[in-house]
Amino acid sequence: MDHSQEKTFIRNCLKALVRESPLAGGESLFDGRIDWDFLIRTAESHRVLAFVGALLEKQGQIDRLDSSISLRVKSAMGLASWENRVRMLEFEKVQACFQEANVPVIPLKGVALTPLVYAKTPFRRMADIDLLIHQEDLEKSKIFLAKQSLHLKQMQNRWQAELLARAWGRCSFTDGSLDLDLQWNPRFLIGGRWVAWDMERVWQRAQPFPGMGKLVFVFSPMDQAIHLSLQILNDIDNNIPRLAQLLDLALVMERNHVVRGAVLEGAAPFLDTEGRGR
């Protein structure tokens, strides 16, 4: 069955959200041709259903839908909002540990983007907390995290786990309920090759964000866009792409007036010809 209409509608909702403009083709919602079950399942699998709902609510259209459909969309919005609040509270708890140990951090992805671009629509879902630290703070961080009952996730093969951590420049901690992805020199697997950043320059360009904590920094808008672009390519190659990531990138670029050419120029030194094309 052709579901191009539903896919186009999802994209139109996200475009309207990014551009803060009216929804194009909104009346097609009510002509009986939309397969709502497919639309809801697809938007949910890409972690954007709550954003579709937020746009429909803003347009005054959500309550014009069939009650069962409206309920599913509103439930997704409630769940996404709850999950976002939980992750942000987890971040505050973890960040306090780093602050006490005098370790600066850069929150990544959803944690950073929630206050930066999702303040009006706090539905950005997160599976874990992602933080960037200086490599020289790694061993100290392991010690004070252990005191907070956050321990390295163990793989069956410990030797393999250590190799992967060095290759990826990251490792994961958990206390059973909270998951922390701690990064110091993150690498991305793109086109069968490892891609890494110049972390020293990234930290030099990072900007203080006291609203999230005394020792909290965020990427510069350009670095934020480059990081998201590399993450998207990595996840496409690992067969786990989501529209939520493209929404992240679009919002960062739109809100900060970052142009595509500048992102490409900034990412070019880390990519081969094929990667730049993609």
Protein backbone atom coordinates (compact mmCIF):
# COMPACT_ATOMS: atom_id res chain seq x y z
CA MET A 1 0.00 0.00 0.00
CA ASP A 2 1.25 3.48 -0.83
CA HIS A 3 1.69 5.55 2.33
CA SER A 4 3.28 8.58 0.68
CA GLN A 5 0.44 10.83 1.86
CA GLU A 6 1.03 9.93 5.50
CA LYS A 7 4.81 10.35 5.19
CA THR A 8 4.38 13.71 3.48
CA PHE A 9 2.01 14.85 6.21
CA ILE A 10 4.53 13.95 8.94
CA ARG A 11 7.24 15.87 7.10
CA ASN A 12 4.91 18.86 6.63
CA CYS A 13 4.19 18.90 10.37
CA LEU A 14 7.90 18.93 11.21
CA LYS A 15 8.60 21.66 8.63
CA ALA A 16 5.83 23.82 10.08
CA LEU A 17 7.22 23.25 13.58
CA VAL A 18 10.72 24.27 12.53
CA ARG A 19 9.60 27.32 10.54
CA GLU A 20 6.88 28.26 13.03
CA SER A 21 4.51 28.52 10.08
CA PRO A 22 0.98 27.26 9.33
CA LEU A 23 0.64 23.61 8.42
CA ALA A 24 0.42 22.97 4.69
CA GLY A 25 -2.38 20.62 3.62
CA GLY A 26 -3.93 20.45 7.07
CA GLU A 27 -7.44 19.82 5.76
CA SER A 28 -6.34 16.43 4.39
CA LEU A 29 -6.58 15.26 7.98
CA PHE A 30 -10.31 15.15 7.74
CA ASP A 31 -11.00 13.84 4.25
CA GLY A 32 -10.91 10.18 5.33
CA ARG A 33 -7.89 9.25 3.21
CA ILE A 34 -5.26 9.33 5.99
CA ASP A 35 -4.30 5.93 7.39
CA TRP A 36 -3.97 7.09 10.98
CA ASP A 37 -2.76 3.78 12.33
CA PHE A 38 0.19 3.84 9.93
CA LEU A 39 0.84 7.54 10.53
CA ILE A 40 0.87 7.15 14.32
CA ARG A 41 3.06 4.02 14.27
CA THR A 42 5.53 5.60 11.85
CA ALA A 43 5.76 8.91 13.70
CA GLU A 44 6.18 7.08 17.00
CA SER A 45 8.94 4.83 15.66
CA HIS A 46 10.82 7.98 14.60
CA ARG A 47 10.14 9.65 17.98
CA VAL A 48 8.26 12.57 16.46
CA LEU A 49 4.60 11.72 17.17
CA ALA A 50 4.47 14.11 20.13
CA PHE A 51 5.77 16.91 17.90
CA VAL A 52 3.10 16.14 15.30
CA GLY A 53 0.56 16.35 18.12
CA ALA A 54 2.00 19.64 19.37
CA LEU A 55 1.68 21.14 15.90
CA LEU A 56 -1.91 19.92 15.53
CA GLU A 57 -2.75 21.30 18.95
CA LYS A 58 -1.24 24.67 18.06
CA GLN A 59 -3.32 24.72 14.86
CA GLY A 60 -6.47 23.92 16.85
CA GLN A 61 -6.96 20.68 14.92
CA ILE A 62 -6.22 17.93 17.41
CA ASP A 63 -9.72 17.90 18.90
CA ARG A 64 -11.29 17.71 15.43
CA LEU A 65 -9.83 14.25 14.99
CA ASP A 66 -11.70 11.06 15.78
CA SER A 67 -11.66 10.68 19.57
CA SER A 68 -9.68 7.41 19.50
CA ILE A 69 -7.01 8.98 17.27
CA SER A 70 -6.87 12.15 19.34
CA LEU A 71 -6.43 10.07 22.49
CA ARG A 72 -3.49 8.14 21.01
CA VAL A 73 -1.75 11.34 19.93
CA LYS A 74 -2.35 13.09 23.25
CA SER A 75 -1.12 10.01 25.12
CA ALA A 76 2.09 10.11 23.08
CA MET A 77 2.52 13.77 23.98
CA GLY A 78 2.03 13.03 27.67
CA LEU A 79 4.47 10.12 27.61
CA ALA A 80 7.13 12.10 25.74
CA SER A 81 6.77 15.04 28.13
CA TRP A 82 7.09 12.74 31.15
CA GLU A 83 10.13 10.96 29.71
CA ASN A 84 11.79 14.28 28.92
CA ARG A 85 11.25 15.55 32.48
CA VAL A 86 12.64 12.34 33.95
CA ARG A 87 15.80 12.52 31.82
CA MET A 88 16.34 16.19 32.65
CA LEU A 89 15.99 15.45 36.38
CA GLU A 90 18.49 12.62 35.95
CA PHE A 91 20.84 15.04 34.25
CA GLU A 92 20.57 17.47 37.17
CA LYS A 93 21.45 14.67 39.58
CA VAL A 94 24.46 13.54 37.54
CA GLN A 95 25.61 17.07 36.76
CA ALA A 96 25.71 17.87 40.49
CA CYS A 97 28.25 15.05 40.94
CA PHE A 98 30.48 16.44 38.20
CA GLN A 99 30.18 19.96 39.59
CA GLU A 100 31.15 18.80 43.07
CA ALA A 101 34.21 17.08 41.58
CA ASN A 102 35.04 20.25 39.58
CA VAL A 103 34.66 18.46 36.23
CA PRO A 104 33.25 20.55 33.35
CA VAL A 105 30.72 18.84 31.08
CA ILE A 106 29.03 19.42 27.73
CA PRO A 107 25.57 17.82 27.58
CA LEU A 108 24.88 16.24 24.20
CA LYS A 109 21.84 15.64 22.02
CA GLY A 110 18.51 15.69 23.85
CA VAL A 111 19.78 17.01 27.18
CA ALA A 112 21.37 20.06 25.54
CA LEU A 113 18.67 20.56 22.93
CA THR A 114 15.75 20.55 25.38
CA PRO A 115 16.56 24.06 26.70
CA LEU A 116 18.24 25.25 23.50
CA VAL A 117 15.57 24.52 20.87
CA TYR A 118 12.73 22.54 22.49
CA ALA A 119 11.73 24.92 25.29
CA LYS A 120 8.31 25.49 23.69
CA THR A 121 7.82 21.80 22.84
CA PRO A 122 9.57 19.75 25.57
CA PHE A 123 8.87 16.40 23.95
CA ARG A 124 12.42 15.40 22.97
CA ARG A 125 12.71 11.77 24.02
CA MET A 126 16.01 10.36 25.29
CA ALA A 127 17.10 6.81 25.99
CA ASP A 128 19.99 7.95 28.20
CA ILE A 129 22.04 10.92 29.38
CA ASP A 130 24.92 11.87 27.05
CA LEU A 131 27.79 13.95 28.43
CA LEU A 132 31.15 15.03 27.02
CA ILE A 133 34.12 15.52 29.37
CA HIS A 134 37.84 16.19 28.97
CA GLN A 135 39.78 12.95 28.52
CA GLU A 136 42.02 13.80 31.47
CA ASP A 137 38.93 13.80 33.72
CA LEU A 138 37.89 10.27 32.79
CA GLU A 139 39.59 8.29 35.57
CA LYS A 140 38.51 10.78 38.24
CA SER A 141 34.96 10.58 36.89
CA LYS A 142 34.91 6.79 37.14
CA ILE A 143 35.83 7.05 40.83
CA PHE A 144 33.18 9.56 41.91
CA LEU A 145 30.51 7.96 39.73
CA ALA A 146 31.21 4.63 41.43
CA LYS A 147 30.62 6.34 44.79
CA GLN A 148 27.19 7.29 43.44
CA SER A 149 26.57 3.62 42.51
CA LEU A 150 27.03 4.34 38.80
CA HIS A 151 29.24 1.59 37.44
CA LEU A 152 30.57 0.74 34.00
CA LYS A 153 28.24 -1.43 31.99
CA GLN A 154 29.90 -4.79 31.66
CA MET A 155 30.02 -6.82 28.48
CA GLN A 156 30.64 -10.54 28.52
CA ASN A 157 34.10 -9.94 27.12
CA ARG A 158 35.79 -7.29 29.28
CA TRP A 159 38.79 -7.06 26.95
CA GLN A 160 36.46 -6.40 24.01
CA ALA A 161 34.61 -3.74 26.04
CA GLU A 162 37.85 -1.88 26.73
CA LEU A 163 38.81 -1.98 23.04
CA LEU A 164 35.40 -0.64 22.02
CA ALA A 165 35.57 2.16 24.60
CA ARG A 166 38.94 3.29 23.24
CA ALA A 167 37.72 3.04 19.64
CA TRP A 168 34.50 4.96 20.31
CA GLY A 169 35.94 7.41 22.85
CA ARG A 170 33.00 6.73 25.12
CA CYS A 171 31.70 4.30 27.75
CA SER A 172 28.39 3.67 29.49
CA PHE A 173 27.52 3.73 33.18
CA THR A 174 24.37 2.58 34.94
CA ASP A 175 22.88 2.21 38.39
CA GLY A 176 20.14 -0.06 37.11
CA SER A 177 17.65 2.69 36.29
CA LEU A 178 19.79 5.58 35.06
CA ASP A 179 21.99 5.21 31.96
CA LEU A 180 24.88 7.59 31.39
CA ASP A 181 26.84 7.67 28.13
CA LEU A 182 30.11 9.39 29.00
CA GLN A 183 32.21 10.60 26.07
CA TRP A 184 35.67 12.15 25.89
CA ASN A 185 36.74 11.69 22.26
CA PRO A 186 33.61 10.48 20.44
CA ARG A 187 34.11 8.76 17.12
CA PHE A 188 31.54 7.99 14.46
CA LEU A 189 31.54 5.02 12.12
CA ILE A 190 30.72 6.53 8.72
CA GLY A 191 31.24 4.77 5.42
CA GLY A 192 33.23 1.99 7.10
CA ARG A 193 35.78 4.35 8.65
CA TRP A 194 36.14 6.02 12.03
CA VAL A 195 35.55 9.78 12.05
CA ALA A 196 36.77 11.88 14.98
CA TRP A 197 36.72 15.55 15.94
CA ASP A 198 39.45 17.84 17.22
CA MET A 199 38.22 17.88 20.83
CA GLU A 200 40.58 20.66 21.88
CA ARG A 201 39.05 23.05 19.34
CA VAL A 202 35.51 21.93 20.25
CA TRP A 203 36.13 22.80 23.90
CA GLN A 204 37.70 26.13 22.95
CA ARG A 205 34.56 27.11 21.05
CA ALA A 206 32.12 25.76 23.66
CA GLN A 207 29.97 28.32 25.43
CA PRO A 208 29.13 28.47 29.16
CA PHE A 209 25.53 27.61 29.97
CA PRO A 210 25.08 28.59 33.65
CA GLY A 211 21.35 27.94 33.44
CA MET A 212 22.17 24.22 33.50
CA GLY A 213 25.00 24.41 36.04
CA LYS A 214 28.20 26.25 36.96
CA LEU A 215 30.49 23.95 34.97
CA VAL A 216 28.10 23.20 32.12
CA PHE A 217 29.01 24.23 28.58
CA VAL A 218 27.27 23.73 25.24
CA PHE A 219 28.64 23.36 21.74
CA SER A 220 28.78 26.46 19.60
CA PRO A 221 25.82 26.44 17.18
CA MET A 222 28.11 25.39 14.32
CA ASP A 223 29.64 22.54 16.31
CA GLN A 224 26.17 21.49 17.43
CA ALA A 225 25.10 21.20 13.78
CA ILE A 226 28.27 19.33 12.80
CA HIS A 227 27.91 16.91 15.72
CA LEU A 228 24.29 16.17 14.86
CA SER A 229 25.19 15.67 11.18
CA LEU A 230 27.94 13.17 12.02
CA GLN A 231 25.60 11.36 14.42
CA ILE A 232 22.93 11.11 11.72
CA LEU A 233 25.41 9.60 9.21
CA ASN A 234 26.65 7.17 11.86
CA ASP A 235 23.12 6.05 12.70
CA ILE A 236 22.15 5.67 9.05
CA ASP A 237 25.15 3.39 8.55
CA ASN A 238 24.11 1.41 11.61
CA ASN A 239 20.53 1.19 10.30
CA ILE A 240 18.93 3.20 13.12
CA PRO A 241 18.07 6.58 11.56
CA ARG A 242 15.19 8.58 13.04
CA LEU A 243 13.37 11.70 11.91
CA ALA A 244 13.86 13.12 15.42
CA GLN A 245 17.55 13.56 14.62
CA LEU A 246 16.79 15.51 11.45
CA LEU A 247 14.35 17.62 13.47
CA ASP A 248 17.17 18.33 15.96
CA LEU A 249 19.47 19.44 13.17
CA ALA A 250 16.83 21.54 11.40
CA LEU A 251 15.91 23.38 14.61
CA VAL A 252 19.54 24.08 15.54
CA MET A 253 20.22 25.47 12.06
CA GLU A 254 16.99 27.48 11.88
CA ARG A 255 17.20 28.99 15.37
CA ASN A 256 20.88 29.91 14.99
CA HIS A 257 20.84 30.90 11.30
CA VAL A 258 23.42 28.24 10.47
CA VAL A 259 23.64 27.69 6.71
CA ARG A 260 24.16 24.32 5.06
CA GLY A 261 27.35 25.35 3.29
CA ALA A 262 28.97 26.30 6.57
CA VAL A 263 28.06 22.93 8.13
CA LEU A 264 29.56 21.10 5.16
CA GLU A 265 32.70 23.21 5.31
CA GLY A 266 33.03 22.54 9.03
CA ALA A 267 32.52 18.79 8.67
CA ALA A 268 34.58 18.36 5.49
CA PRO A 269 37.97 17.81 7.20
CA PHE A 270 36.56 14.75 8.99
CA LEU A 271 34.84 13.13 5.99
CA ASP A 272 35.89 11.53 2.74
CA THR A 273 34.34 12.55 -0.59
CA GLU A 274 31.40 10.16 -0.23
CA GLY A 275 30.71 11.32 3.32
CA ARG A 276 30.68 14.96 2.23
CA GLY A 277 28.25 14.13 -0.54
CA ARG A 278 25.91 12.36 1.83
